[in-house]
């Protein structure tokens, strides 16, 4: 059996997974629970996700989400030092340099983010030695998308007609 890919998740991916249990970010957590990938983060990323989930979605959703994430045994890499973060300040914001540095320090195979402005942009992707992908791009590239039922399009079109 091959070693599972090591995915460093940005906090925005975790917040989105909590807010949208049927979306791509949550799907990544599901495939981690199946042992198909390994999730990496730092305490800072996990804390940022917790604060944002509580502030944006409520404490009860955080409690529910924590029950989902805790069994995944997220590998928490050591926080990057000032020098490690400084290396990435030329290509991203000061608030996001820690994400790039931590993905390197944690030996991630792929950095997963939804931050199109500071992380998923072309200049960062060209300069960064690890592939950076959105959850959806990752799921498609590695064939982790779930097939839709045969009658999915038929039901979707039927609902549209009912609304008219």
N, C-alpha and C. Protein backbone atom coordinates (compact mmCIF):
# COMPACT_ATOMS: atom_id res chain seq x y z
N UNK A 1 0.85 -1.19 0.00
CA UNK A 1 0.00 0.00 0.00
C UNK A 1 0.88 1.24 0.00
N UNK A 2 0.53 2.23 -0.82
CA UNK A 2 1.32 3.44 -0.90
C UNK A 2 1.03 4.35 0.30
N UNK A 3 1.99 5.21 0.58
CA UNK A 3 1.85 6.15 1.69
C UNK A 3 0.82 7.21 1.31
N UNK A 4 -0.11 7.53 2.20
CA UNK A 4 -1.10 8.57 1.88
C UNK A 4 -0.45 9.93 1.67
N UNK A 5 -1.01 10.70 0.77
CA UNK A 5 -0.54 12.07 0.56
C UNK A 5 -0.71 12.87 1.83
N UNK A 6 0.25 13.74 2.08
CA UNK A 6 0.22 14.61 3.26
C UNK A 6 -0.28 15.99 2.81
N UNK A 7 -1.47 16.35 3.27
CA UNK A 7 -2.12 17.61 2.87
C UNK A 7 -2.07 18.62 4.00
N UNK A 8 -1.43 19.75 3.75
CA UNK A 8 -1.47 20.83 4.74
C UNK A 8 -2.71 21.66 4.44
N UNK A 9 -3.61 21.77 5.42
CA UNK A 9 -4.86 22.52 5.23
C UNK A 9 -4.74 23.91 5.82
N UNK A 10 -5.09 24.89 5.03
CA UNK A 10 -5.20 26.27 5.49
C UNK A 10 -6.47 26.36 6.35
N UNK A 11 -6.51 27.31 7.27
CA UNK A 11 -7.67 27.45 8.17
C UNK A 11 -8.97 27.66 7.41
N UNK A 12 -8.91 28.36 6.29
CA UNK A 12 -10.14 28.63 5.52
C UNK A 12 -10.78 27.33 5.03
N UNK A 13 -9.98 26.32 4.78
CA UNK A 13 -10.52 25.02 4.34
C UNK A 13 -11.30 24.38 5.48
N UNK A 14 -10.78 24.46 6.69
CA UNK A 14 -11.46 23.89 7.85
C UNK A 14 -12.76 24.63 8.15
N UNK A 15 -12.74 25.95 8.05
CA UNK A 15 -13.95 26.74 8.29
C UNK A 15 -15.01 26.39 7.25
N UNK A 16 -14.60 26.27 6.02
CA UNK A 16 -15.54 25.93 4.95
C UNK A 16 -16.09 24.52 5.14
N UNK A 17 -15.27 23.60 5.59
CA UNK A 17 -15.74 22.24 5.84
C UNK A 17 -16.82 22.23 6.93
N UNK A 18 -16.63 23.07 7.96
CA UNK A 18 -17.62 23.16 9.03
C UNK A 18 -18.92 23.76 8.53
N UNK A 19 -18.81 24.73 7.64
CA UNK A 19 -19.99 25.44 7.15
C UNK A 19 -20.72 24.68 6.06
N UNK A 20 -20.02 23.81 5.34
CA UNK A 20 -20.61 23.12 4.21
C UNK A 20 -20.22 21.64 4.24
N UNK A 21 -20.91 20.83 5.04
CA UNK A 21 -20.55 19.42 5.20
C UNK A 21 -20.63 18.58 3.93
N UNK A 22 -21.27 19.10 2.89
CA UNK A 22 -21.37 18.35 1.63
C UNK A 22 -20.37 18.84 0.59
N UNK A 23 -19.56 19.86 0.90
CA UNK A 23 -18.65 20.45 -0.07
C UNK A 23 -17.30 19.75 -0.15
N UNK A 24 -16.44 20.29 -1.00
CA UNK A 24 -15.13 19.72 -1.24
C UNK A 24 -14.22 19.72 -0.03
N UNK A 25 -14.27 20.79 0.77
CA UNK A 25 -13.42 20.85 1.96
C UNK A 25 -13.78 19.73 2.93
N UNK A 26 -15.06 19.52 3.13
CA UNK A 26 -15.51 18.44 4.01
C UNK A 26 -15.17 17.08 3.41
N UNK A 27 -15.22 16.98 2.10
CA UNK A 27 -14.88 15.71 1.43
C UNK A 27 -13.43 15.33 1.73
N UNK A 28 -12.54 16.32 1.80
CA UNK A 28 -11.14 16.03 2.13
C UNK A 28 -11.06 15.43 3.53
N UNK A 29 -11.84 15.96 4.47
CA UNK A 29 -11.84 15.39 5.82
C UNK A 29 -12.39 13.96 5.79
N UNK A 30 -13.38 13.72 4.95
CA UNK A 30 -13.93 12.36 4.83
C UNK A 30 -12.90 11.37 4.30
N UNK A 31 -12.14 11.78 3.28
CA UNK A 31 -11.16 10.84 2.75
C UNK A 31 -9.99 10.66 3.73
N UNK A 32 -9.74 11.68 4.57
CA UNK A 32 -8.74 11.51 5.64
C UNK A 32 -9.23 10.49 6.65
N UNK A 33 -10.54 10.51 6.95
CA UNK A 33 -11.08 9.55 7.92
C UNK A 33 -11.00 8.12 7.38
N UNK A 34 -10.93 7.97 6.05
CA UNK A 34 -10.78 6.67 5.42
C UNK A 34 -9.32 6.25 5.28
N UNK A 35 -8.40 7.13 5.74
CA UNK A 35 -6.97 6.83 5.68
C UNK A 35 -6.34 7.03 4.32
N UNK A 36 -7.04 7.69 3.41
CA UNK A 36 -6.53 7.88 2.06
C UNK A 36 -5.59 9.06 1.94
N UNK A 37 -5.68 10.02 2.88
CA UNK A 37 -4.76 11.15 2.96
C UNK A 37 -4.48 11.41 4.43
N UNK A 38 -3.40 12.13 4.68
CA UNK A 38 -3.04 12.54 6.04
C UNK A 38 -3.15 14.05 6.11
N UNK A 39 -3.81 14.55 7.15
CA UNK A 39 -4.01 15.99 7.31
C UNK A 39 -2.91 16.58 8.20
N UNK A 40 -2.34 17.68 7.74
CA UNK A 40 -1.32 18.43 8.48
C UNK A 40 -1.83 19.83 8.75
N UNK A 41 -1.40 20.41 9.86
CA UNK A 41 -1.71 21.79 10.19
C UNK A 41 -0.73 22.23 11.28
N UNK A 42 -0.92 23.40 11.79
CA UNK A 42 -0.19 23.87 12.97
C UNK A 42 -1.23 24.25 14.02
N UNK A 43 -0.78 24.44 15.24
CA UNK A 43 -1.70 24.90 16.28
C UNK A 43 -2.30 26.25 15.90
N UNK A 44 -1.50 27.09 15.27
CA UNK A 44 -1.99 28.41 14.86
C UNK A 44 -3.13 28.29 13.84
N UNK A 45 -2.97 27.39 12.87
CA UNK A 45 -4.01 27.17 11.87
C UNK A 45 -5.28 26.63 12.53
N UNK A 46 -5.11 25.67 13.42
CA UNK A 46 -6.27 25.09 14.11
C UNK A 46 -6.96 26.13 14.99
N UNK A 47 -6.17 26.97 15.65
CA UNK A 47 -6.76 28.03 16.49
C UNK A 47 -7.51 29.05 15.63
N UNK A 48 -6.91 29.42 14.51
CA UNK A 48 -7.56 30.36 13.59
C UNK A 48 -8.89 29.79 13.10
N UNK A 49 -8.89 28.51 12.76
CA UNK A 49 -10.13 27.86 12.31
C UNK A 49 -11.17 27.87 13.43
N UNK A 50 -10.76 27.53 14.63
CA UNK A 50 -11.69 27.50 15.76
C UNK A 50 -12.31 28.87 16.00
N UNK A 51 -11.48 29.90 16.04
CA UNK A 51 -11.98 31.26 16.29
C UNK A 51 -12.96 31.67 15.20
N UNK A 52 -12.61 31.40 13.95
CA UNK A 52 -13.50 31.79 12.84
C UNK A 52 -14.80 31.00 12.84
N UNK A 53 -14.73 29.72 13.15
CA UNK A 53 -15.96 28.92 13.20
C UNK A 53 -16.87 29.44 14.31
N UNK A 54 -16.31 29.69 15.48
CA UNK A 54 -17.13 30.19 16.60
C UNK A 54 -17.70 31.56 16.27
N UNK A 55 -16.87 32.46 15.74
CA UNK A 55 -17.33 33.82 15.43
C UNK A 55 -18.35 33.86 14.30
N UNK A 56 -18.12 33.07 13.27
CA UNK A 56 -18.98 33.13 12.09
C UNK A 56 -20.17 32.18 12.14
N UNK A 57 -19.99 31.03 12.79
CA UNK A 57 -21.00 29.97 12.70
C UNK A 57 -21.59 29.57 14.05
N UNK A 58 -20.90 29.94 15.14
CA UNK A 58 -21.43 29.63 16.47
C UNK A 58 -20.66 28.54 17.19
N UNK A 59 -20.66 28.63 18.50
CA UNK A 59 -19.93 27.68 19.35
C UNK A 59 -20.45 26.26 19.18
N UNK A 60 -21.75 26.09 19.04
CA UNK A 60 -22.29 24.72 18.92
C UNK A 60 -21.79 24.04 17.65
N UNK A 61 -21.62 24.81 16.57
CA UNK A 61 -21.08 24.22 15.35
C UNK A 61 -19.62 23.84 15.55
N UNK A 62 -18.86 24.63 16.31
CA UNK A 62 -17.48 24.27 16.61
C UNK A 62 -17.43 22.93 17.36
N UNK A 63 -18.30 22.77 18.35
CA UNK A 63 -18.32 21.52 19.13
C UNK A 63 -18.61 20.34 18.20
N UNK A 64 -19.58 20.50 17.33
CA UNK A 64 -19.90 19.45 16.36
C UNK A 64 -18.71 19.18 15.46
N UNK A 65 -18.10 20.22 14.93
CA UNK A 65 -16.97 20.09 14.00
C UNK A 65 -15.77 19.45 14.69
N UNK A 66 -15.53 19.82 15.92
CA UNK A 66 -14.40 19.24 16.66
C UNK A 66 -14.56 17.73 16.78
N UNK A 67 -15.79 17.27 16.97
CA UNK A 67 -16.04 15.82 17.05
C UNK A 67 -15.71 15.12 15.73
N UNK A 68 -15.81 15.84 14.64
CA UNK A 68 -15.47 15.29 13.32
C UNK A 68 -13.95 15.27 13.12
N UNK A 69 -13.29 16.35 13.53
CA UNK A 69 -11.87 16.51 13.27
C UNK A 69 -10.99 15.73 14.26
N UNK A 70 -11.38 15.66 15.51
CA UNK A 70 -10.54 15.03 16.54
C UNK A 70 -10.10 13.61 16.18
N UNK A 71 -10.98 12.75 15.68
CA UNK A 71 -10.54 11.38 15.36
C UNK A 71 -9.59 11.29 14.16
N UNK A 72 -9.43 12.38 13.43
CA UNK A 72 -8.55 12.36 12.26
C UNK A 72 -7.08 12.38 12.63
N UNK A 73 -6.78 12.70 13.87
CA UNK A 73 -5.39 12.77 14.34
C UNK A 73 -4.56 13.66 13.42
N UNK A 74 -4.99 14.91 13.30
CA UNK A 74 -4.28 15.88 12.48
C UNK A 74 -2.84 15.99 12.99
N UNK A 75 -1.88 15.88 12.09
CA UNK A 75 -0.47 16.04 12.47
C UNK A 75 -0.17 17.52 12.60
N UNK A 76 0.18 17.91 13.80
CA UNK A 76 0.50 19.32 14.05
C UNK A 76 2.01 19.50 13.93
N UNK A 77 2.42 20.21 12.89
CA UNK A 77 3.84 20.46 12.72
C UNK A 77 4.26 21.60 13.63
N UNK A 78 5.54 21.65 13.91
CA UNK A 78 6.06 22.75 14.73
C UNK A 78 5.82 24.06 14.00
N UNK A 79 5.56 25.12 14.75
CA UNK A 79 5.33 26.41 14.09
C UNK A 79 6.61 26.89 13.41
N UNK A 80 6.47 27.53 12.27
CA UNK A 80 7.66 28.05 11.60
C UNK A 80 8.24 29.24 12.38
N UNK A 81 9.54 29.37 12.31
CA UNK A 81 10.22 30.50 12.95
C UNK A 81 10.12 31.76 12.11
N UNK A 82 10.62 32.85 12.66
CA UNK A 82 10.58 34.14 11.96
C UNK A 82 11.29 34.08 10.62
N UNK A 83 12.45 33.45 10.58
CA UNK A 83 13.21 33.35 9.34
C UNK A 83 12.44 32.54 8.30
N UNK A 84 11.83 31.45 8.73
CA UNK A 84 11.07 30.61 7.80
C UNK A 84 9.88 31.37 7.23
N UNK A 85 9.21 32.16 8.07
CA UNK A 85 8.09 32.97 7.58
C UNK A 85 8.58 34.09 6.67
N UNK A 86 9.70 34.70 7.05
CA UNK A 86 10.24 35.82 6.27
C UNK A 86 10.56 35.42 4.84
N UNK A 87 10.94 34.15 4.65
CA UNK A 87 11.26 33.67 3.30
C UNK A 87 10.09 33.83 2.34
N UNK A 88 8.87 33.86 2.83
CA UNK A 88 7.68 33.89 1.97
C UNK A 88 7.00 35.25 1.92
N UNK A 89 7.53 36.23 2.65
CA UNK A 89 6.91 37.56 2.68
C UNK A 89 7.00 38.27 1.32
N UNK A 90 7.93 37.85 0.49
CA UNK A 90 8.07 38.47 -0.83
C UNK A 90 6.92 38.11 -1.76
N UNK A 91 6.26 36.97 -1.47
CA UNK A 91 5.22 36.51 -2.41
C UNK A 91 3.81 36.45 -1.82
N UNK A 92 3.68 36.63 -0.52
CA UNK A 92 2.35 36.60 0.08
C UNK A 92 2.27 37.58 1.24
N UNK A 93 1.11 37.72 1.81
CA UNK A 93 0.90 38.65 2.92
C UNK A 93 1.53 38.14 4.21
N UNK A 94 1.80 39.05 5.12
CA UNK A 94 2.38 38.68 6.42
C UNK A 94 1.46 37.73 7.18
N UNK A 95 0.14 37.88 7.00
CA UNK A 95 -0.83 37.02 7.70
C UNK A 95 -0.83 35.60 7.16
N UNK A 96 -0.34 35.40 5.94
CA UNK A 96 -0.38 34.07 5.33
C UNK A 96 0.98 33.42 5.15
N UNK A 97 2.05 34.13 5.44
CA UNK A 97 3.40 33.56 5.28
C UNK A 97 3.58 32.33 6.16
N UNK A 98 2.94 32.32 7.33
CA UNK A 98 3.08 31.17 8.23
C UNK A 98 2.51 29.90 7.60
N UNK A 99 1.49 30.03 6.77
CA UNK A 99 0.88 28.85 6.12
C UNK A 99 1.88 28.22 5.15
N UNK A 100 2.50 29.05 4.32
CA UNK A 100 3.48 28.54 3.37
C UNK A 100 4.67 27.91 4.10
N UNK A 101 5.19 28.63 5.09
CA UNK A 101 6.34 28.13 5.84
C UNK A 101 6.02 26.82 6.56
N UNK A 102 4.83 26.73 7.13
CA UNK A 102 4.45 25.52 7.87
C UNK A 102 4.24 24.33 6.94
N UNK A 103 3.73 24.57 5.75
CA UNK A 103 3.56 23.47 4.79
C UNK A 103 4.92 22.88 4.42
N UNK A 104 5.92 23.74 4.26
CA UNK A 104 7.28 23.28 3.97
C UNK A 104 7.84 22.53 5.18
N UNK A 105 7.73 23.16 6.35
CA UNK A 105 8.29 22.57 7.57
C UNK A 105 7.63 21.22 7.89
N UNK A 106 6.35 21.09 7.63
CA UNK A 106 5.63 19.85 7.90
C UNK A 106 5.80 18.79 6.83
N UNK A 107 6.58 19.12 5.80
CA UNK A 107 6.84 18.18 4.70
C UNK A 107 5.55 17.73 4.00
N UNK A 108 4.69 18.70 3.75
CA UNK A 108 3.44 18.43 3.04
C UNK A 108 3.71 18.09 1.58
N UNK A 109 2.88 17.23 1.04
CA UNK A 109 2.94 16.95 -0.39
C UNK A 109 2.18 18.00 -1.18
N UNK A 110 1.10 18.52 -0.57
CA UNK A 110 0.24 19.50 -1.22
C UNK A 110 -0.30 20.46 -0.17
N UNK A 111 -0.37 21.73 -0.51
CA UNK A 111 -1.01 22.73 0.33
C UNK A 111 -2.42 22.96 -0.22
N UNK A 112 -3.41 22.81 0.64
CA UNK A 112 -4.81 23.01 0.23
C UNK A 112 -5.30 24.31 0.84
N UNK A 113 -5.80 25.21 0.00
CA UNK A 113 -6.28 26.51 0.46
C UNK A 113 -7.44 26.97 -0.42
N UNK A 114 -8.20 27.90 0.12
CA UNK A 114 -9.25 28.57 -0.65
C UNK A 114 -8.95 30.06 -0.81
N UNK A 115 -7.79 30.48 -0.32
CA UNK A 115 -7.40 31.89 -0.34
C UNK A 115 -6.80 32.25 -1.70
N UNK A 116 -7.68 32.65 -2.61
CA UNK A 116 -7.25 32.96 -3.98
C UNK A 116 -6.40 34.23 -4.04
N UNK A 117 -6.60 35.11 -3.11
CA UNK A 117 -5.88 36.40 -3.14
C UNK A 117 -4.42 36.26 -2.70
N UNK A 118 -4.16 35.49 -1.63
CA UNK A 118 -2.82 35.45 -1.05
C UNK A 118 -2.07 34.13 -1.23
N UNK A 119 -2.77 33.05 -1.55
CA UNK A 119 -2.09 31.75 -1.62
C UNK A 119 -2.30 31.06 -2.97
N UNK A 120 -3.51 31.03 -3.47
CA UNK A 120 -3.79 30.33 -4.72
C UNK A 120 -3.48 31.15 -5.97
N UNK A 121 -2.88 32.31 -5.81
CA UNK A 121 -2.61 33.13 -6.99
C UNK A 121 -1.39 32.61 -7.75
N UNK A 122 -1.28 33.03 -8.99
CA UNK A 122 -0.26 32.50 -9.89
C UNK A 122 1.16 32.74 -9.41
N UNK A 123 1.44 33.92 -8.87
CA UNK A 123 2.82 34.22 -8.46
C UNK A 123 3.26 33.34 -7.28
N UNK A 124 2.37 33.08 -6.35
CA UNK A 124 2.71 32.20 -5.22
C UNK A 124 2.89 30.77 -5.74
N UNK A 125 2.00 30.33 -6.58
CA UNK A 125 2.09 28.96 -7.09
C UNK A 125 3.38 28.73 -7.87
N UNK A 126 3.84 29.72 -8.61
CA UNK A 126 5.09 29.58 -9.37
C UNK A 126 6.31 29.52 -8.45
N UNK A 127 6.29 30.30 -7.37
CA UNK A 127 7.44 30.40 -6.49
C UNK A 127 7.49 29.30 -5.42
N UNK A 128 6.37 28.68 -5.15
CA UNK A 128 6.29 27.73 -4.04
C UNK A 128 6.66 26.33 -4.53
N UNK A 129 7.52 25.62 -3.79
CA UNK A 129 7.99 24.31 -4.27
C UNK A 129 6.99 23.15 -4.10
N UNK A 130 5.89 23.40 -3.42
CA UNK A 130 4.87 22.37 -3.20
C UNK A 130 3.63 22.77 -4.00
N UNK A 131 2.95 21.82 -4.63
CA UNK A 131 1.71 22.19 -5.33
C UNK A 131 0.69 22.80 -4.36
N UNK A 132 0.02 23.83 -4.82
CA UNK A 132 -1.05 24.48 -4.05
C UNK A 132 -2.33 24.28 -4.85
N UNK A 133 -3.35 23.76 -4.18
CA UNK A 133 -4.62 23.48 -4.86
C UNK A 133 -5.80 23.87 -3.99
N UNK A 134 -6.90 24.14 -4.65
CA UNK A 134 -8.16 24.29 -3.93
C UNK A 134 -8.65 22.87 -3.61
N UNK A 135 -9.57 22.74 -2.67
CA UNK A 135 -10.11 21.41 -2.39
C UNK A 135 -10.69 20.73 -3.65
N UNK A 136 -11.44 21.48 -4.42
CA UNK A 136 -12.05 20.92 -5.63
C UNK A 136 -11.02 20.44 -6.64
N UNK A 137 -9.98 21.25 -6.85
CA UNK A 137 -8.93 20.86 -7.79
C UNK A 137 -8.22 19.59 -7.31
N UNK A 138 -7.94 19.52 -6.01
CA UNK A 138 -7.30 18.33 -5.46
C UNK A 138 -8.19 17.10 -5.67
N UNK A 139 -9.45 17.22 -5.32
CA UNK A 139 -10.36 16.08 -5.43
C UNK A 139 -10.47 15.58 -6.87
N UNK A 140 -10.51 16.51 -7.81
CA UNK A 140 -10.59 16.11 -9.22
C UNK A 140 -9.28 15.48 -9.71
N UNK A 141 -8.16 16.11 -9.39
CA UNK A 141 -6.88 15.61 -9.89
C UNK A 141 -6.58 14.20 -9.37
N UNK A 142 -6.93 13.94 -8.14
CA UNK A 142 -6.63 12.63 -7.55
C UNK A 142 -7.83 11.69 -7.53
N UNK A 143 -8.84 12.02 -8.30
CA UNK A 143 -10.02 11.16 -8.48
C UNK A 143 -10.72 10.80 -7.18
N UNK A 144 -10.88 11.79 -6.31
CA UNK A 144 -11.61 11.59 -5.07
C UNK A 144 -13.03 12.15 -5.15
N UNK A 145 -13.46 12.50 -6.34
CA UNK A 145 -14.83 12.99 -6.48
C UNK A 145 -15.77 11.80 -6.42
N UNK A 146 -16.89 12.02 -5.81
CA UNK A 146 -17.88 10.95 -5.72
C UNK A 146 -18.76 11.00 -6.96
N UNK A 147 -19.00 9.86 -7.58
CA UNK A 147 -19.87 9.89 -8.76
C UNK A 147 -21.29 10.29 -8.38
N UNK A 148 -21.89 11.09 -9.25
CA UNK A 148 -23.27 11.49 -9.01
C UNK A 148 -24.19 10.37 -9.49
N UNK A 149 -25.31 10.20 -8.82
CA UNK A 149 -26.26 9.17 -9.27
C UNK A 149 -26.72 9.46 -10.70
N UNK A 150 -27.08 8.42 -11.40
CA UNK A 150 -27.48 8.56 -12.80
C UNK A 150 -28.61 9.56 -12.99
N UNK A 151 -29.53 9.61 -12.05
CA UNK A 151 -30.68 10.49 -12.22
C UNK A 151 -30.47 11.87 -11.57
N UNK A 152 -29.22 12.22 -11.22
CA UNK A 152 -28.93 13.49 -10.57
C UNK A 152 -29.38 14.68 -11.43
N UNK A 153 -28.97 14.71 -12.69
CA UNK A 153 -29.32 15.82 -13.58
C UNK A 153 -30.83 15.88 -13.79
N UNK A 154 -31.47 14.72 -13.91
CA UNK A 154 -32.92 14.67 -14.12
C UNK A 154 -33.64 15.31 -12.93
N UNK A 155 -33.21 14.96 -11.70
CA UNK A 155 -33.84 15.53 -10.49
C UNK A 155 -33.58 17.03 -10.40
N UNK A 156 -32.35 17.45 -10.74
CA UNK A 156 -32.01 18.87 -10.69
C UNK A 156 -32.88 19.67 -11.66
N UNK A 157 -33.05 19.16 -12.87
CA UNK A 157 -33.89 19.84 -13.85
C UNK A 157 -35.36 19.84 -13.43
N UNK A 158 -35.80 18.76 -12.81
CA UNK A 158 -37.18 18.67 -12.34
C UNK A 158 -37.43 19.73 -11.26
N UNK A 159 -36.50 19.92 -10.35
CA UNK A 159 -36.64 20.94 -9.31
C UNK A 159 -36.73 22.35 -9.89
N UNK A 160 -35.92 22.59 -10.94
CA UNK A 160 -35.95 23.90 -11.60
C UNK A 160 -37.33 24.16 -12.19
N UNK A 161 -37.89 23.15 -12.83
CA UNK A 161 -39.21 23.29 -13.44
C UNK A 161 -40.29 23.53 -12.39
N UNK A 162 -40.16 22.86 -11.24
CA UNK A 162 -41.15 23.02 -10.16
C UNK A 162 -41.12 24.44 -9.58
N UNK A 163 -39.97 25.06 -9.59
CA UNK A 163 -39.84 26.43 -9.04
C UNK A 163 -40.51 27.45 -9.95
N UNK A 164 -40.60 27.16 -11.24
CA UNK A 164 -41.19 28.10 -12.20
C UNK A 164 -42.65 28.09 -12.06
